[in-house]
Amino acid sequence: MKSGKTSTYILVSLLFFAAIGLITGLYSGLLRIGFFSDMAPRQISPIAHGPLMINGFLGTLIGLERAAALEKKWAYFAPVLMAASTIILLSALQVSGQWLMLLGALGLTYVMGYLYYLQPKIYHLIMALGAASLLVGNILYVLYIPIFELVPWWAAFPMLTIFGERLELNRIMRPPKQAQQLFATIIFLWIGALALTHFDRYLGWFFASFLLIGVAGWLIQYDVARRTIKSVAWTRYSAISLLTGYSWLILTGLFGLWRGFPTAGPIYDGLLHMIFVGFVFSMIFAHASVIIPSLSGKLIPYHKYFYLPLILLHLFLLARVIGDIAWWPVVRKIGSYGNVLAILLFLGGIVFQLIRASRTKKSERIPT
């Protein structure tokens, strides 16, 4: 009994640290665009936005999810290291934080590789390659390679993890074996295109963008979301989030074919946030009602309210991208602030629903 309570405590604690990574990552992102830059605490640097979001938030969350699925105590070292890197980075100890991120990514790669060893399925291999991408990105980060050169590997981490998870869940749709092989081939070629960007950035990203459209097209064709969109409550909400995320993936590919992948500036900003906000956060919104209960043991009651942050997320991202393309700084800032608001509204809605459900459950236990 005590062991079960301890495990739950560890899971909830690590979820809390993942939330800290998210909130501080969002805040440092606001600092990058000038939000209260003169009043901001010096401990949180604007350049910590990427490391906090990728490692502190996504690294901790995905590492925690995989460790819980594996049910091995040693597997929790990866998310613990990622959570620790967040605290260290916020303490302005950048070098120590970088090394903890590297060690966390190494641990996560081992966990994913072990899962593939236990069950050698293609979706486990894709997720293992996602963790390996984070490791590559963090090695380059420790070596002080410019962020614009390593960020494709950071982006590949959540993307490949999601691709693998969707393929795993798509066993319900039972895609033909040839279709699964095609999906895997496109993904392997996409990883190769990311490697090519280090030698020829334009050509590598051109191929990566083209292949990304292929991945999104495959997901739209074979994902179970095409069926579950006719359902209700969380199931329908998840399907809508998934399909809009895949749409952003297509737009990202088209955008990359059109404008390439510059090393800085508004186009660089727009492209990255189409990936991380348009696709990755759509996937987070889609899976939150499953991930959080699996880790915390608490079901999230559904409410139509959750469509508000989902709609705001996409509308404000569209505004941000338009501001980037047209070089309208004010529109870009409005879109940026709106995206942060949408994410916080979603997170706040989850917390509110969990507290409300807990109070309702306690009141039902009180004898009348």
Foldseek 3Di string as FASTA:
>chain_A
DVVVVVQLVVLVVLQVLLVVLVVLLLVLCLCVLPDPVVPDDPLRHVVCNLVSNLQRHVQLLVLSLLCLVVVDPLSNQLNVLSSVLNVCSSNVVNLSSLVSSLVSLVSSLVSLVVVCVVPVDLLSVLLSVLSVLSNVLSVCVNVVPDCLLSVVSSLSNLVSNVLSVQVVVLVVLPDDPVLVVVLSVLSVVLVVLSVCCVVPQQRSLLSNLVSLLVNLVSCVVRGCLVVQCPPDFLSVLLSVLQNQLSVLSNVLSVLCNVPNADSDALSNVLSVCSSCQRHVVSNCLNCVQPSVCSSNVFGQDTDPQLVVLVVLSVVLSVQLNVCSVVVPSVSNSSSSVSNVVSVVSNVVSRVVRRVVVVVVVVVVPDDD
